[in-house]
Structures are given as C-alpha cells and as structure tokens.
Amino acid sequence: MLQVLGRSNSINVRKVLWLCAEIGVPHQHTPWGTAELPLRSPEFLALNPNALVPVIRDGEFVLWESNTICRYLAGQHERHDLLPAEPQARARVEQWMDWMATELNSAWRYAFMALVRRNAEFTDARAIDASIAAWNRHMALLDAQLQRTGAYAAGAAFTLADIALGLATHRWFMTPLQRPLLPAVEAYYERLTERPGFRAHGRNGVP
C-alpha cells in the first residue's frame, strides 16, 4: 500500500492527501514532522535528506517534493484528466503548478509566518506589509486567469494545478489580512468546495 509521510497540517502533505482522495488511492498516512516523529531522525533523513514533508513510499520506491509526487501519482494511475498527455495541455497545467511553488509561495511566506505561525523571526512590519502586497498582487493574477478560463486554473477542467492552487487559495482566505475583492477567486474557492477531497484536506484542514 502507498505510504504518505508527513503531518496533515502541512500544505504540501495535503496536496498529496487530496490527490489520493481524487484518484481513490488506498494509502497509509503517517504524520512525520510531529514531536513523536521528528524529521531530523536518522530514519526520516534516510528517506529525504532535506528533512521536509511529504515523502511517499510506493513499495521500494521513495519520492519527495509534493508537485513531483502529484505528477507521479497522476501518471501512475493514468489520470490524463488531471495531468494531460498532450504536451501543450500538460505544460499549461505544470506552468500553474510551478508558478504556485515559486512565485506565489515566495510572496506569501513572510506574511504567513508572521500572522499565522507567529514566528518570532518574522516580525518586521515593513516586510509583513510587502509580503501581503505581493500576495494580493499574485492572487489578482490568478483571478485574471480564472476570469479567462471561467472555471479552473489551466482551463475548463479540474487538474493538478487546482490542487496546488486550491490549497494556496484556502491559505489566503484563512490568513488575517486585508484582501482585495477578487470575485473569480471567490467563485473558484466555492467551486472547489464541491469536491469531497478539498472539503477533507483543503477547506476544513488546518491552514
């Protein structure tokens, strides 16, 4: 059985759990990253030397990096609706997945660590304001894309891009900050809520 390793309050672990729900993959979830299961333990470092979650074990095969794991599982189960086989359609999905991992994540990190995690290393008021402004600017870019497609990030159909971006959207709504009105993003959030996997591992999960 597929093993998913990582605490469920991690946004990246929740990507994998949501995808397993979408595909219907039987799996065993172990919450590494807790006090009882530390990421710096030799056992976990042997699986991922970065000491980060998630990690999956599929038999003898071990894989880390959440977007890569999602691509692997979609490919393994031939879910071309989630990750198209046609090169241009696939590239469009991966473009938005990678944008989330690089541009969007970089924008929200400081504000989230300050306002939600209350991390003592993230207390610079100007840096918090700059992060909020960047976060809102990037969400406005997503809003413009959703206005163009009328439904989902990469087009009319739900894909892997929406798993990554759906969780990021939930984080934006759950963080205590001043947000602009983005109607397409709000409609997208409600559209995703119709999916049981998002209700279980996204909107009702820990931000």
N, C-alpha and C. Protein backbone atom coordinates (compact mmCIF):
# COMPACT_ATOMS: atom_id res chain seq x y z
N MET A 1 0.85 -1.20 0.00
CA MET A 1 0.00 0.00 0.00
C MET A 1 0.88 1.25 0.00
N LEU A 2 0.44 2.26 -0.72
CA LEU A 2 1.15 3.53 -0.74
C LEU A 2 1.22 4.11 0.67
N GLN A 3 2.41 4.61 1.03
CA GLN A 3 2.58 5.27 2.32
C GLN A 3 2.81 6.76 2.07
N VAL A 4 2.07 7.60 2.75
CA VAL A 4 2.22 9.05 2.69
C VAL A 4 2.75 9.50 4.05
N LEU A 5 3.92 10.12 4.04
CA LEU A 5 4.58 10.52 5.27
C LEU A 5 4.58 12.03 5.39
N GLY A 6 4.05 12.53 6.51
CA GLY A 6 4.04 13.97 6.73
C GLY A 6 2.82 14.40 7.52
N ARG A 7 2.99 15.39 8.38
CA ARG A 7 1.91 15.88 9.22
C ARG A 7 0.82 16.53 8.36
N SER A 8 -0.41 16.35 8.73
CA SER A 8 -1.53 16.78 7.89
C SER A 8 -1.78 18.28 7.92
N ASN A 9 -1.08 19.04 8.80
CA ASN A 9 -1.24 20.49 8.75
C ASN A 9 -0.25 21.14 7.79
N SER A 10 0.52 20.33 7.07
CA SER A 10 1.41 20.84 6.02
C SER A 10 0.63 21.00 4.73
N ILE A 11 0.71 22.18 4.13
CA ILE A 11 0.00 22.42 2.87
C ILE A 11 0.47 21.46 1.78
N ASN A 12 1.74 21.08 1.81
CA ASN A 12 2.27 20.19 0.78
C ASN A 12 1.85 18.75 0.99
N VAL A 13 1.73 18.33 2.24
CA VAL A 13 1.20 16.99 2.52
C VAL A 13 -0.26 16.92 2.09
N ARG A 14 -0.99 17.98 2.35
CA ARG A 14 -2.41 18.00 2.00
C ARG A 14 -2.64 17.93 0.49
N LYS A 15 -1.70 18.43 -0.31
CA LYS A 15 -1.79 18.22 -1.77
C LYS A 15 -1.89 16.73 -2.09
N VAL A 16 -1.00 15.97 -1.49
CA VAL A 16 -0.93 14.53 -1.79
C VAL A 16 -2.16 13.81 -1.26
N LEU A 17 -2.59 14.16 -0.06
CA LEU A 17 -3.78 13.52 0.50
C LEU A 17 -5.03 13.85 -0.32
N TRP A 18 -5.14 15.09 -0.77
CA TRP A 18 -6.28 15.46 -1.61
C TRP A 18 -6.24 14.69 -2.92
N LEU A 19 -5.07 14.59 -3.53
CA LEU A 19 -4.97 13.85 -4.79
C LEU A 19 -5.33 12.38 -4.58
N CYS A 20 -4.87 11.78 -3.49
CA CYS A 20 -5.24 10.39 -3.21
C CYS A 20 -6.75 10.25 -3.12
N ALA A 21 -7.41 11.23 -2.52
CA ALA A 21 -8.87 11.21 -2.44
C ALA A 21 -9.51 11.33 -3.82
N GLU A 22 -8.96 12.21 -4.67
CA GLU A 22 -9.49 12.39 -6.02
C GLU A 22 -9.38 11.11 -6.84
N ILE A 23 -8.24 10.44 -6.73
CA ILE A 23 -7.98 9.25 -7.54
C ILE A 23 -8.60 8.01 -6.91
N GLY A 24 -8.76 8.03 -5.59
CA GLY A 24 -9.23 6.84 -4.89
C GLY A 24 -8.10 5.87 -4.60
N VAL A 25 -6.93 6.40 -4.25
CA VAL A 25 -5.76 5.57 -3.99
C VAL A 25 -5.76 5.13 -2.52
N PRO A 26 -5.80 3.83 -2.24
CA PRO A 26 -5.64 3.38 -0.86
C PRO A 26 -4.24 3.76 -0.37
N HIS A 27 -4.17 4.26 0.84
CA HIS A 27 -2.87 4.70 1.35
C HIS A 27 -2.86 4.65 2.86
N GLN A 28 -1.65 4.62 3.38
CA GLN A 28 -1.43 4.70 4.83
C GLN A 28 -0.74 6.02 5.11
N HIS A 29 -1.30 6.80 6.00
CA HIS A 29 -0.76 8.13 6.30
C HIS A 29 -0.10 8.11 7.67
N THR A 30 1.17 8.51 7.73
CA THR A 30 1.92 8.59 8.98
C THR A 30 2.38 10.02 9.17
N PRO A 31 2.04 10.66 10.32
CA PRO A 31 2.26 12.11 10.48
C PRO A 31 3.69 12.47 10.90
N TRP A 32 4.66 12.18 10.05
CA TRP A 32 6.03 12.62 10.33
C TRP A 32 6.08 14.14 10.38
N GLY A 33 6.92 14.65 11.30
CA GLY A 33 7.02 16.09 11.50
C GLY A 33 6.43 16.52 12.81
N THR A 34 5.99 15.55 13.62
CA THR A 34 5.49 15.80 14.96
C THR A 34 6.62 15.53 15.96
N ALA A 35 6.35 15.84 17.23
CA ALA A 35 7.36 15.60 18.27
C ALA A 35 7.71 14.12 18.37
N GLU A 36 6.73 13.27 18.12
CA GLU A 36 6.98 11.83 18.22
C GLU A 36 7.70 11.28 16.99
N LEU A 37 7.56 11.97 15.87
CA LEU A 37 8.16 11.51 14.61
C LEU A 37 8.95 12.67 13.99
N PRO A 38 10.11 12.99 14.55
CA PRO A 38 10.87 14.16 14.09
C PRO A 38 11.53 13.96 12.73
N LEU A 39 11.56 15.04 11.96
CA LEU A 39 12.10 14.97 10.61
C LEU A 39 13.62 14.84 10.60
N ARG A 40 14.27 15.19 11.69
CA ARG A 40 15.73 15.09 11.76
C ARG A 40 16.21 13.74 12.26
N SER A 41 15.29 12.82 12.43
CA SER A 41 15.69 11.49 12.87
C SER A 41 16.42 10.78 11.73
N PRO A 42 17.37 9.90 12.05
CA PRO A 42 18.08 9.16 11.00
C PRO A 42 17.15 8.40 10.07
N GLU A 43 16.07 7.86 10.63
CA GLU A 43 15.13 7.09 9.82
C GLU A 43 14.50 7.94 8.72
N PHE A 44 14.08 9.17 9.10
CA PHE A 44 13.44 10.02 8.09
C PHE A 44 14.47 10.62 7.13
N LEU A 45 15.62 11.03 7.65
CA LEU A 45 16.65 11.60 6.78
C LEU A 45 17.14 10.61 5.73
N ALA A 46 17.03 9.33 6.03
CA ALA A 46 17.39 8.31 5.04
C ALA A 46 16.42 8.32 3.86
N LEU A 47 15.20 8.81 4.11
CA LEU A 47 14.20 8.89 3.05
C LEU A 47 14.28 10.23 2.32
N ASN A 48 14.46 11.32 3.07
CA ASN A 48 14.57 12.65 2.47
C ASN A 48 15.62 13.46 3.23
N PRO A 49 16.80 13.61 2.65
CA PRO A 49 17.88 14.33 3.35
C PRO A 49 17.58 15.81 3.57
N ASN A 50 16.52 16.33 2.92
CA ASN A 50 16.10 17.72 3.14
C ASN A 50 15.32 17.90 4.43
N ALA A 51 14.92 16.81 5.07
CA ALA A 51 14.11 16.85 6.30
C ALA A 51 12.81 17.64 6.09
N LEU A 52 12.15 17.38 4.96
CA LEU A 52 10.90 18.05 4.64
C LEU A 52 9.84 17.02 4.26
N VAL A 53 8.59 17.38 4.47
CA VAL A 53 7.47 16.54 4.05
C VAL A 53 6.74 17.23 2.90
N PRO A 54 6.06 16.41 2.07
CA PRO A 54 5.78 14.98 2.19
C PRO A 54 6.86 14.11 1.55
N VAL A 55 6.78 12.86 1.92
CA VAL A 55 7.52 11.78 1.27
C VAL A 55 6.52 10.66 1.03
N ILE A 56 6.64 9.97 -0.09
CA ILE A 56 5.84 8.76 -0.28
C ILE A 56 6.76 7.56 -0.42
N ARG A 57 6.24 6.43 -0.02
CA ARG A 57 6.90 5.14 -0.27
C ARG A 57 5.90 4.29 -1.03
N ASP A 58 6.27 3.88 -2.21
CA ASP A 58 5.43 3.04 -3.05
C ASP A 58 6.20 1.74 -3.28
N GLY A 59 6.01 0.80 -2.38
CA GLY A 59 6.87 -0.37 -2.38
C GLY A 59 8.28 0.04 -1.97
N GLU A 60 9.26 -0.24 -2.82
CA GLU A 60 10.64 0.15 -2.54
C GLU A 60 10.97 1.54 -3.07
N PHE A 61 10.02 2.14 -3.79
CA PHE A 61 10.25 3.44 -4.41
C PHE A 61 9.93 4.56 -3.42
N VAL A 62 10.89 5.47 -3.25
CA VAL A 62 10.73 6.60 -2.34
C VAL A 62 10.80 7.89 -3.16
N LEU A 63 9.90 8.83 -2.87
CA LEU A 63 9.85 10.08 -3.64
C LEU A 63 9.47 11.23 -2.72
N TRP A 64 10.15 12.39 -2.92
CA TRP A 64 9.77 13.60 -2.20
C TRP A 64 9.58 14.73 -3.20
N GLU A 65 9.14 15.88 -2.71
CA GLU A 65 8.70 17.07 -3.46
C GLU A 65 7.23 16.87 -3.88
N SER A 66 6.36 17.69 -3.29
CA SER A 66 4.91 17.47 -3.42
C SER A 66 4.41 17.51 -4.85
N ASN A 67 4.85 18.48 -5.65
CA ASN A 67 4.37 18.55 -7.02
C ASN A 67 4.83 17.35 -7.84
N THR A 68 6.05 16.90 -7.59
CA THR A 68 6.57 15.72 -8.28
C THR A 68 5.78 14.49 -7.87
N ILE A 69 5.46 14.39 -6.59
CA ILE A 69 4.65 13.26 -6.12
C ILE A 69 3.29 13.27 -6.81
N CYS A 70 2.67 14.43 -6.92
CA CYS A 70 1.36 14.53 -7.57
C CYS A 70 1.45 14.13 -9.04
N ARG A 71 2.50 14.57 -9.73
CA ARG A 71 2.68 14.17 -11.13
C ARG A 71 2.85 12.65 -11.24
N TYR A 72 3.64 12.10 -10.33
CA TYR A 72 3.89 10.66 -10.34
C TYR A 72 2.58 9.87 -10.15
N LEU A 73 1.80 10.25 -9.16
CA LEU A 73 0.57 9.51 -8.89
C LEU A 73 -0.44 9.64 -10.01
N ALA A 74 -0.56 10.84 -10.58
CA ALA A 74 -1.48 11.01 -11.71
C ALA A 74 -1.04 10.18 -12.90
N GLY A 75 0.28 10.15 -13.16
CA GLY A 75 0.79 9.34 -14.26
C GLY A 75 0.65 7.86 -14.02
N GLN A 76 0.95 7.44 -12.80
CA GLN A 76 0.87 6.02 -12.46
C GLN A 76 -0.55 5.49 -12.65
N HIS A 77 -1.54 6.31 -12.33
CA HIS A 77 -2.93 5.89 -12.43
C HIS A 77 -3.60 6.34 -13.73
N GLU A 78 -2.78 6.83 -14.65
CA GLU A 78 -3.23 7.24 -15.98
C GLU A 78 -4.40 8.22 -15.92
N ARG A 79 -4.26 9.18 -15.02
CA ARG A 79 -5.30 10.19 -14.89
C ARG A 79 -4.95 11.39 -15.77
N HIS A 80 -5.17 11.20 -17.05
CA HIS A 80 -4.84 12.25 -18.01
C HIS A 80 -5.81 13.43 -17.93
N ASP A 81 -6.92 13.24 -17.23
CA ASP A 81 -7.79 14.38 -16.96
C ASP A 81 -7.12 15.35 -15.99
N LEU A 82 -6.31 14.81 -15.07
CA LEU A 82 -5.63 15.64 -14.09
C LEU A 82 -4.28 16.15 -14.59
N LEU A 83 -3.59 15.35 -15.40
CA LEU A 83 -2.31 15.73 -15.98
C LEU A 83 -2.29 15.22 -17.41
N PRO A 84 -2.66 16.08 -18.37
CA PRO A 84 -2.82 15.65 -19.76
C PRO A 84 -1.56 15.03 -20.36
N ALA A 85 -1.77 14.11 -21.30
CA ALA A 85 -0.64 13.51 -22.02
C ALA A 85 -0.17 14.41 -23.15
N GLU A 86 -1.07 15.17 -23.73
CA GLU A 86 -0.70 16.07 -24.84
C GLU A 86 0.24 17.15 -24.31
N PRO A 87 1.38 17.37 -24.99
CA PRO A 87 2.43 18.22 -24.42
C PRO A 87 1.99 19.64 -24.07
N GLN A 88 1.25 20.31 -24.92
CA GLN A 88 0.89 21.69 -24.62
C GLN A 88 -0.11 21.77 -23.48
N ALA A 89 -1.08 20.87 -23.45
CA ALA A 89 -2.05 20.87 -22.36
C ALA A 89 -1.38 20.54 -21.03
N ARG A 90 -0.44 19.59 -21.07
CA ARG A 90 0.30 19.25 -19.85
C ARG A 90 1.14 20.43 -19.38
N ALA A 91 1.80 21.09 -20.31
CA ALA A 91 2.64 22.23 -19.96
C ALA A 91 1.82 23.33 -19.30
N ARG A 92 0.60 23.54 -19.73
CA ARG A 92 -0.24 24.56 -19.13
C ARG A 92 -0.55 24.23 -17.67
N VAL A 93 -0.84 22.96 -17.40
CA VAL A 93 -1.08 22.53 -16.01
C VAL A 93 0.19 22.72 -15.18
N GLU A 94 1.32 22.28 -15.71
CA GLU A 94 2.57 22.35 -14.95
C GLU A 94 3.03 23.80 -14.76
N GLN A 95 2.72 24.64 -15.72
CA GLN A 95 3.05 26.06 -15.58
C GLN A 95 2.43 26.63 -14.30
N TRP A 96 1.15 26.36 -14.07
CA TRP A 96 0.47 26.91 -12.90
C TRP A 96 0.89 26.22 -11.61
N MET A 97 1.23 24.93 -11.68
CA MET A 97 1.78 24.25 -10.51
C MET A 97 3.12 24.87 -10.12
N ASP A 98 3.96 25.11 -11.10
CA ASP A 98 5.28 25.67 -10.81
C ASP A 98 5.19 27.13 -10.38
N TRP A 99 4.24 27.86 -10.93
CA TRP A 99 4.02 29.25 -10.51
C TRP A 99 3.63 29.30 -9.04
N MET A 100 2.77 28.38 -8.63
CA MET A 100 2.40 28.33 -7.22
C MET A 100 3.62 28.05 -6.35
N ALA A 101 4.45 27.10 -6.77
CA ALA A 101 5.59 26.68 -5.94
C ALA A 101 6.68 27.74 -5.86
N THR A 102 6.79 28.57 -6.88
CA THR A 102 7.88 29.56 -6.91
C THR A 102 7.35 30.96 -6.61
N GLU A 103 6.57 31.52 -7.49
CA GLU A 103 6.13 32.91 -7.36
C GLU A 103 5.15 33.12 -6.20
N LEU A 104 4.07 32.35 -6.18
CA LEU A 104 3.04 32.56 -5.16
C LEU A 104 3.56 32.23 -3.77
N ASN A 105 4.22 31.10 -3.63
CA ASN A 105 4.75 30.72 -2.32
C ASN A 105 5.74 31.75 -1.78
N SER A 106 6.58 32.26 -2.65
CA SER A 106 7.55 33.26 -2.22
C SER A 106 6.85 34.53 -1.74
N ALA A 107 5.73 34.87 -2.37
CA ALA A 107 5.00 36.08 -2.00
C ALA A 107 4.40 35.97 -0.61
N TRP A 108 3.78 34.87 -0.28
CA TRP A 108 3.03 34.79 0.98
C TRP A 108 3.85 34.38 2.18
N ARG A 109 5.04 33.85 1.98
CA ARG A 109 5.75 33.20 3.08
C ARG A 109 5.95 34.09 4.30
N TYR A 110 6.45 35.32 4.11
CA TYR A 110 6.76 36.16 5.27
C TYR A 110 5.48 36.52 6.03
N ALA A 111 4.46 36.93 5.33
CA ALA A 111 3.22 37.32 5.99
C ALA A 111 2.60 36.14 6.72
N PHE A 112 2.61 34.98 6.11
CA PHE A 112 2.01 33.80 6.74
C PHE A 112 2.78 33.42 8.00
N MET A 113 4.10 33.42 7.93
CA MET A 113 4.89 33.07 9.11
C MET A 113 4.67 34.07 10.24
N ALA A 114 4.45 35.33 9.88
CA ALA A 114 4.22 36.36 10.90
C ALA A 114 2.81 36.31 11.47
N LEU A 115 1.80 36.23 10.61
CA LEU A 115 0.41 36.41 11.02
C LEU A 115 -0.27 35.13 11.48
N VAL A 116 0.16 33.99 10.97
CA VAL A 116 -0.47 32.72 11.33
C VAL A 116 0.44 31.89 12.24
N ARG A 117 1.66 31.68 11.82
CA ARG A 117 2.58 30.88 12.63
C ARG A 117 3.11 31.66 13.84
N ARG A 118 3.03 32.99 13.79
CA ARG A 118 3.53 33.84 14.88
C ARG A 118 4.99 33.54 15.19
N ASN A 119 5.76 33.32 14.15
CA ASN A 119 7.18 33.02 14.30
C ASN A 119 7.94 34.27 14.72
N ALA A 120 8.75 34.15 15.76
CA ALA A 120 9.46 35.31 16.31
C ALA A 120 10.49 35.88 15.36
N GLU A 121 10.86 35.14 14.33
CA GLU A 121 11.84 35.63 13.36
C GLU A 121 11.19 36.45 12.24
N PHE A 122 9.86 36.55 12.26
CA PHE A 122 9.14 37.25 11.20
C PHE A 122 8.28 38.36 11.84
N THR A 123 8.92 39.43 12.25
CA THR A 123 8.21 40.49 12.97
C THR A 123 8.41 41.87 12.35
N ASP A 124 9.12 41.96 11.24
CA ASP A 124 9.39 43.26 10.62
C ASP A 124 8.11 43.75 9.94
N ALA A 125 7.56 44.86 10.43
CA ALA A 125 6.27 45.35 9.92
C ALA A 125 6.31 45.68 8.44
N ARG A 126 7.40 46.28 7.97
CA ARG A 126 7.51 46.61 6.55
C ARG A 126 7.58 45.35 5.69
N ALA A 127 8.29 44.36 6.18
CA ALA A 127 8.38 43.10 5.44
C ALA A 127 7.02 42.39 5.40
N ILE A 128 6.28 42.47 6.48
CA ILE A 128 4.94 41.88 6.50
C ILE A 128 4.05 42.59 5.48
N ASP A 129 4.07 43.91 5.48
CA ASP A 129 3.25 44.68 4.54
C ASP A 129 3.64 44.38 3.10
N ALA A 130 4.94 44.26 2.85
CA ALA A 130 5.41 43.96 1.48
C ALA A 130 4.95 42.58 1.05
N SER A 131 4.99 41.63 1.98
CA SER A 131 4.55 40.27 1.66
C SER A 131 3.06 40.22 1.38
N ILE A 132 2.27 40.94 2.18
CA ILE A 132 0.82 40.99 1.95
C ILE A 132 0.53 41.60 0.58
N ALA A 133 1.22 42.69 0.25
CA ALA A 133 1.00 43.34 -1.05
C ALA A 133 1.35 42.40 -2.19
N ALA A 134 2.47 41.69 -2.06
CA ALA A 134 2.87 40.75 -3.11
C ALA A 134 1.89 39.59 -3.21
N TRP A 135 1.43 39.11 -2.07
CA TRP A 135 0.47 38.01 -2.04
C TRP A 135 -0.82 38.42 -2.74
N ASN A 136 -1.34 39.58 -2.40
CA ASN A 136 -2.57 40.06 -3.03
C ASN A 136 -2.38 40.28 -4.53
N ARG A 137 -1.22 40.79 -4.91
CA ARG A 137 -0.94 41.01 -6.33
C ARG A 137 -0.94 39.68 -7.10
N HIS A 138 -0.36 38.65 -6.52
CA HIS A 138 -0.33 37.35 -7.18
C HIS A 138 -1.72 36.72 -7.23
N MET A 139 -2.50 36.90 -6.18
CA MET A 139 -3.86 36.37 -6.22
C MET A 139 -4.70 37.09 -7.26
N ALA A 140 -4.40 38.36 -7.51
CA ALA A 140 -5.09 39.09 -8.58
C ALA A 140 -4.73 38.52 -9.94
N LEU A 141 -3.50 38.05 -10.10
CA LEU A 141 -3.11 37.38 -11.35
C LEU A 141 -3.91 36.09 -11.53
N LEU A 142 -4.08 35.34 -10.44
CA LEU A 142 -4.89 34.13 -10.52
C LEU A 142 -6.33 34.49 -10.85
N ASP A 143 -6.85 35.55 -10.26
CA ASP A 143 -8.22 35.99 -10.55
C ASP A 143 -8.39 36.28 -12.03
N ALA A 144 -7.41 36.96 -12.62
CA ALA A 144 -7.49 37.28 -14.05
C ALA A 144 -7.48 36.01 -14.89
N GLN A 145 -6.67 35.02 -14.50
CA GLN A 145 -6.64 33.76 -15.23
C GLN A 145 -7.97 33.03 -15.11
N LEU A 146 -8.56 33.03 -13.93
CA LEU A 146 -9.84 32.36 -13.73
C LEU A 146 -10.96 33.06 -14.49
N GLN A 147 -10.87 34.37 -14.63
CA GLN A 147 -11.84 35.08 -15.47
C GLN A 147 -11.73 34.63 -16.92
N ARG A 148 -10.50 34.39 -17.37
CA ARG A 148 -10.31 33.95 -18.76
C ARG A 148 -10.84 32.54 -18.98
N THR A 149 -10.56 31.63 -18.04
CA THR A 149 -10.98 30.24 -18.24
C THR A 149 -12.45 30.03 -17.88
N GLY A 150 -12.95 30.83 -16.95
CA GLY A 150 -14.32 30.68 -16.48
C GLY A 150 -14.53 29.54 -15.51
N ALA A 151 -13.42 28.85 -15.12
CA ALA A 151 -13.60 27.69 -14.25
C ALA A 151 -12.36 27.39 -13.41
N TYR A 152 -11.33 26.86 -14.06
CA TYR A 152 -10.17 26.36 -13.34
C TYR A 152 -8.88 26.99 -13.86
N ALA A 153 -7.78 26.71 -13.17
CA ALA A 153 -6.53 27.43 -13.45
C ALA A 153 -6.01 27.21 -14.86
N ALA A 154 -6.06 25.97 -15.33
CA ALA A 154 -5.47 25.66 -16.63
C ALA A 154 -6.51 25.58 -17.74
N GLY A 155 -7.78 25.81 -17.43
CA GLY A 155 -8.80 25.73 -18.46
C GLY A 155 -10.16 25.39 -17.87
N ALA A 156 -10.99 24.75 -18.67
CA ALA A 156 -12.36 24.46 -18.25
C ALA A 156 -12.46 23.29 -17.28
N ALA A 157 -11.42 22.44 -17.21
CA ALA A 157 -11.48 21.23 -16.41
C ALA A 157 -10.56 21.31 -15.19
N PHE A 158 -10.93 20.62 -14.14
CA PHE A 158 -10.12 20.49 -12.94
C PHE A 158 -8.88 19.67 -13.22
N THR A 159 -7.72 20.14 -12.75
CA THR A 159 -6.44 19.44 -12.97
C THR A 159 -5.59 19.49 -11.71
N LEU A 160 -4.39 18.94 -11.82
CA LEU A 160 -3.44 19.01 -10.70
C LEU A 160 -3.13 20.45 -10.30
N ALA A 161 -3.17 21.35 -11.26
CA ALA A 161 -2.90 22.75 -10.93
C ALA A 161 -3.86 23.27 -9.88
N ASP A 162 -5.08 22.77 -9.89
CA ASP A 162 -6.08 23.26 -8.95
C ASP A 162 -5.90 22.67 -7.56
N ILE A 163 -5.25 21.54 -7.46
CA ILE A 163 -4.93 21.01 -6.14
C ILE A 163 -3.91 21.94 -5.47
N ALA A 164 -2.87 22.28 -6.20
CA ALA A 164 -1.86 23.19 -5.65
C ALA A 164 -2.46 24.57 -5.36
N LEU A 165 -3.18 25.12 -6.32
CA LEU A 165 -3.70 26.48 -6.17
C LEU A 165 -4.92 26.55 -5.25
N GLY A 166 -5.67 25.47 -5.18
CA GLY A 166 -6.80 25.45 -4.26
C GLY A 166 -6.37 25.55 -2.81
N LEU A 167 -5.32 24.83 -2.46
CA LEU A 167 -4.80 24.91 -1.10
C LEU A 167 -4.21 26.28 -0.82
N ALA A 168 -3.52 26.85 -1.82
CA ALA A 168 -2.97 28.20 -1.65
C ALA A 168 -4.09 29.23 -1.49
N THR A 169 -5.19 29.04 -2.20
CA THR A 169 -6.33 29.95 -2.08
C THR A 169 -6.95 29.86 -0.69
N HIS A 170 -7.08 28.64 -0.18
CA HIS A 170 -7.59 28.47 1.18
C HIS A 170 -6.70 29.21 2.18
N ARG A 171 -5.41 29.09 2.01
CA ARG A 171 -4.48 29.78 2.92
C ARG A 171 -4.67 31.29 2.87
N TRP A 172 -4.88 31.83 1.67
CA TRP A 172 -5.10 33.27 1.52
C TRP A 172 -6.36 33.71 2.27
N PHE A 173 -7.44 32.94 2.13
CA PHE A 173 -8.69 33.31 2.79
C PHE A 173 -8.60 33.15 4.31
N MET A 174 -7.81 32.22 4.79
CA MET A 174 -7.75 31.94 6.22
C MET A 174 -6.75 32.82 6.97
N THR A 175 -5.89 33.53 6.26
CA THR A 175 -4.90 34.37 6.92
C THR A 175 -5.51 35.73 7.24
N PRO A 176 -5.33 36.24 8.45
CA PRO A 176 -5.93 37.53 8.82
C PRO A 176 -5.18 38.70 8.19
N LEU A 177 -5.65 39.11 7.03
CA LEU A 177 -5.05 40.23 6.31
C LEU A 177 -6.12 40.96 5.52
N GLN A 178 -5.79 42.17 5.05
CA GLN A 178 -6.71 42.94 4.21
C GLN A 178 -6.62 42.42 2.78
N ARG A 179 -7.72 41.88 2.27
CA ARG A 179 -7.73 41.29 0.94
C ARG A 179 -8.56 42.12 -0.03
N PRO A 180 -8.12 42.21 -1.28
CA PRO A 180 -8.97 42.87 -2.28
C PRO A 180 -10.13 41.95 -2.66
N LEU A 181 -11.16 42.54 -3.23
CA LEU A 181 -12.29 41.75 -3.72
C LEU A 181 -11.88 41.11 -5.04
N LEU A 182 -11.85 39.78 -5.07
CA LEU A 182 -11.49 39.04 -6.28
C LEU A 182 -12.61 38.03 -6.56
N PRO A 183 -13.62 38.44 -7.31
CA PRO A 183 -14.81 37.60 -7.50
C PRO A 183 -14.52 36.24 -8.12
N ALA A 184 -13.60 36.19 -9.08
CA ALA A 184 -13.31 34.91 -9.74
C ALA A 184 -12.64 33.94 -8.77
N VAL A 185 -11.77 34.46 -7.91
CA VAL A 185 -11.13 33.61 -6.90
C VAL A 185 -12.16 33.12 -5.90
N GLU A 186 -13.09 33.98 -5.48
CA GLU A 186 -14.12 33.57 -4.54
C GLU A 186 -15.01 32.47 -5.14
N ALA A 187 -15.36 32.63 -6.41
CA ALA A 187 -16.18 31.61 -7.07
C ALA A 187 -15.41 30.31 -7.21
N TYR A 188 -14.13 30.42 -7.50
CA TYR A 188 -13.25 29.25 -7.62
C TYR A 188 -13.20 28.48 -6.29
N TYR A 189 -13.05 29.21 -5.21
CA TYR A 189 -12.99 28.61 -3.88
C TYR A 189 -14.27 27.84 -3.58
N GLU A 190 -15.40 28.41 -3.92
CA GLU A 190 -16.67 27.73 -3.70
C GLU A 190 -16.82 26.53 -4.64
N ARG A 191 -16.33 26.67 -5.86
CA ARG A 191 -16.39 25.55 -6.82
C ARG A 191 -15.57 24.37 -6.30
N LEU A 192 -14.40 24.65 -5.78
CA LEU A 192 -13.56 23.59 -5.25
C LEU A 192 -14.20 22.92 -4.05
N THR A 193 -14.96 23.66 -3.28
CA THR A 193 -15.61 23.12 -2.08
C THR A 193 -16.61 22.04 -2.42
N GLU A 194 -17.08 21.99 -3.65
CA GLU A 194 -17.98 20.92 -4.07
C GLU A 194 -17.28 19.58 -4.13
N ARG A 195 -15.95 19.56 -4.10
CA ARG A 195 -15.18 18.32 -4.22
C ARG A 195 -14.91 17.77 -2.82
N PRO A 196 -15.28 16.51 -2.56
CA PRO A 196 -15.07 15.92 -1.23
C PRO A 196 -13.60 15.96 -0.78
N GLY A 197 -12.68 15.76 -1.72
CA GLY A 197 -11.27 15.78 -1.36
C GLY A 197 -10.81 17.13 -0.84
N PHE A 198 -11.35 18.20 -1.41
CA PHE A 198 -11.00 19.53 -0.93
C PHE A 198 -11.63 19.81 0.42
N ARG A 199 -12.87 19.36 0.60
CA ARG A 199 -13.51 19.57 1.89
C ARG A 199 -12.75 18.84 3.00
N ALA A 200 -12.20 17.66 2.69
CA ALA A 200 -11.49 16.87 3.69
C ALA A 200 -10.09 17.39 3.96
N HIS A 201 -9.38 17.81 2.91
CA HIS A 201 -7.96 18.11 3.06
C HIS A 201 -7.60 19.55 2.71
N GLY A 202 -8.58 20.34 2.34
CA GLY A 202 -8.31 21.73 1.99
C GLY A 202 -9.05 22.69 2.89
N ARG A 203 -10.28 22.94 2.58
CA ARG A 203 -11.03 23.97 3.29
C ARG A 203 -11.23 23.66 4.78
N ASN A 204 -11.37 22.41 5.11
CA ASN A 204 -11.57 22.05 6.52
C ASN A 204 -10.27 21.60 7.19
N GLY A 205 -9.15 21.68 6.46
CA GLY A 205 -7.88 21.32 7.06
C GLY A 205 -7.32 22.48 7.87
N VAL A 206 -6.20 22.23 8.51
CA VAL A 206 -5.53 23.28 9.26
C VAL A 206 -4.79 24.17 8.28
N PRO A 207 -4.95 25.53 8.31
CA PRO A 207 -4.30 26.39 7.33
C PRO A 207 -2.78 26.38 7.48
